[in-house]
């Protein structure tokens, strides 16, 4: 079984800053969603291999799987 790590980053004036990591895509997504809903900031979830990127804002969220 392949281990995939999902990283949550917050967008700041200095760029993307590491916040948390999870081994589950769903846990990472919902943690980032909860943070964005609570503080109104923009977050992204990326896989360690950069095959998945999710962007979460107060207006909503979207995910892309990259080749």
C-alpha atoms as a PDB file:
ATOM      1  CA  UNK A   1       0.000   0.000   0.000  1.00  0.00           C
ATOM      2  CA  UNK A   2       1.361   3.382  -1.023  1.00  0.00           C
ATOM      3  CA  UNK A   3       1.533   6.014   1.727  1.00  0.00           C
ATOM      4  CA  UNK A   4       0.324   9.432   0.604  1.00  0.00           C
ATOM      5  CA  UNK A   5       0.684  12.495   2.731  1.00  0.00           C
ATOM      6  CA  UNK A   6      -1.620  15.495   2.404  1.00  0.00           C
ATOM      7  CA  UNK A   7      -0.361  18.890   3.492  1.00  0.00           C
ATOM      8  CA  UNK A   8      -2.504  21.856   4.508  1.00  0.00           C
ATOM      9  CA  UNK A   9      -1.080  25.304   3.826  1.00  0.00           C
ATOM     10  CA  UNK A  10      -2.477  28.758   4.607  1.00  0.00           C
ATOM     11  CA  UNK A  11      -2.119  31.678   2.196  1.00  0.00           C
ATOM     12  CA  UNK A  12      -0.439  34.650   3.890  1.00  0.00           C
ATOM     13  CA  UNK A  13       1.064  37.902   2.673  1.00  0.00           C
ATOM     14  CA  UNK A  14       4.407  36.039   2.488  1.00  0.00           C
ATOM     15  CA  UNK A  15       2.989  33.147   0.409  1.00  0.00           C
ATOM     16  CA  UNK A  16       1.893  29.618   1.349  1.00  0.00           C
ATOM     17  CA  UNK A  17       2.776  28.558   4.903  1.00  0.00           C
ATOM     18  CA  UNK A  18       2.664  24.992   6.220  1.00  0.00           C
ATOM     19  CA  UNK A  19      -0.151  24.420   8.726  1.00  0.00           C
ATOM     20  CA  UNK A  20      -0.800  20.675   9.187  1.00  0.00           C
ATOM     21  CA  UNK A  21      -0.504  17.294   7.516  1.00  0.00           C
ATOM     22  CA  UNK A  22      -2.764  14.250   7.359  1.00  0.00           C
ATOM     23  CA  UNK A  23      -2.470  10.785   5.868  1.00  0.00           C
ATOM     24  CA  UNK A  24      -6.092  10.960   4.688  1.00  0.00           C
ATOM     25  CA  UNK A  25      -7.334  13.182   1.862  1.00  0.00           C
ATOM     26  CA  UNK A  26     -10.747  13.498   3.519  1.00  0.00           C
ATOM     27  CA  UNK A  27      -9.317  14.478   6.909  1.00  0.00           C
ATOM     28  CA  UNK A  28      -7.020  17.060   5.341  1.00  0.00           C
ATOM     29  CA  UNK A  29      -9.840  18.519   3.247  1.00  0.00           C
ATOM     30  CA  UNK A  30     -12.292  18.810   6.136  1.00  0.00           C
ATOM     31  CA  UNK A  31      -9.656  20.242   8.484  1.00  0.00           C
ATOM     32  CA  UNK A  32      -8.799  22.919   5.917  1.00  0.00           C
ATOM     33  CA  UNK A  33     -12.503  23.545   5.262  1.00  0.00           C
ATOM     34  CA  UNK A  34     -13.180  24.022   8.993  1.00  0.00           C
ATOM     35  CA  UNK A  35     -10.241  26.418   9.337  1.00  0.00           C
ATOM     36  CA  UNK A  36     -11.324  28.477   6.337  1.00  0.00           C
ATOM     37  CA  UNK A  37     -14.908  28.633   7.595  1.00  0.00           C
ATOM     38  CA  UNK A  38     -13.713  29.706  11.052  1.00  0.00           C
ATOM     39  CA  UNK A  39     -11.162  32.373  10.102  1.00  0.00           C
ATOM     40  CA  UNK A  40     -12.137  33.313   6.526  1.00  0.00           C
ATOM     41  CA  UNK A  41      -8.641  32.683   5.208  1.00  0.00           C
ATOM     42  CA  UNK A  42      -7.585  30.735   2.113  1.00  0.00           C
ATOM     43  CA  UNK A  43      -6.095  27.251   2.487  1.00  0.00           C
ATOM     44  CA  UNK A  44      -4.887  24.596   0.122  1.00  0.00           C
ATOM     45  CA  UNK A  45      -4.459  20.853   0.441  1.00  0.00           C
ATOM     46  CA  UNK A  46      -1.716  19.290  -1.637  1.00  0.00           C
ATOM     47  CA  UNK A  47      -0.533  15.719  -1.885  1.00  0.00           C
ATOM     48  CA  UNK A  48       3.115  15.021  -1.218  1.00  0.00           C
ATOM     49  CA  UNK A  49       3.594  14.096  -4.881  1.00  0.00           C
ATOM     50  CA  UNK A  50       1.635  17.200  -5.995  1.00  0.00           C
ATOM     51  CA  UNK A  51      -0.911  15.020  -7.827  1.00  0.00           C
ATOM     52  CA  UNK A  52      -3.805  16.650  -5.973  1.00  0.00           C
ATOM     53  CA  UNK A  53      -4.454  20.289  -5.173  1.00  0.00           C
ATOM     54  CA  UNK A  54      -7.536  21.598  -3.369  1.00  0.00           C
ATOM     55  CA  UNK A  55      -8.159  25.300  -2.830  1.00  0.00           C
ATOM     56  CA  UNK A  56     -10.515  26.298  -0.012  1.00  0.00           C
ATOM     57  CA  UNK A  57     -11.819  29.835   0.494  1.00  0.00           C
ATOM     58  CA  UNK A  58     -14.736  31.368   2.322  1.00  0.00           C
ATOM     59  CA  UNK A  59     -16.607  31.330  -1.031  1.00  0.00           C
ATOM     60  CA  UNK A  60     -16.160  27.583  -1.545  1.00  0.00           C
ATOM     61  CA  UNK A  61     -13.638  24.986  -2.610  1.00  0.00           C
ATOM     62  CA  UNK A  62     -12.411  23.016  -5.585  1.00  0.00           C
ATOM     63  CA  UNK A  63      -9.940  20.175  -6.147  1.00  0.00           C
ATOM     64  CA  UNK A  64      -7.859  19.215  -9.139  1.00  0.00           C
ATOM     65  CA  UNK A  65      -6.036  15.962  -9.821  1.00  0.00           C
ATOM     66  CA  UNK A  66      -2.899  16.656 -11.834  1.00  0.00           C
ATOM     67  CA  UNK A  67      -1.101  14.264 -14.172  1.00  0.00           C
END
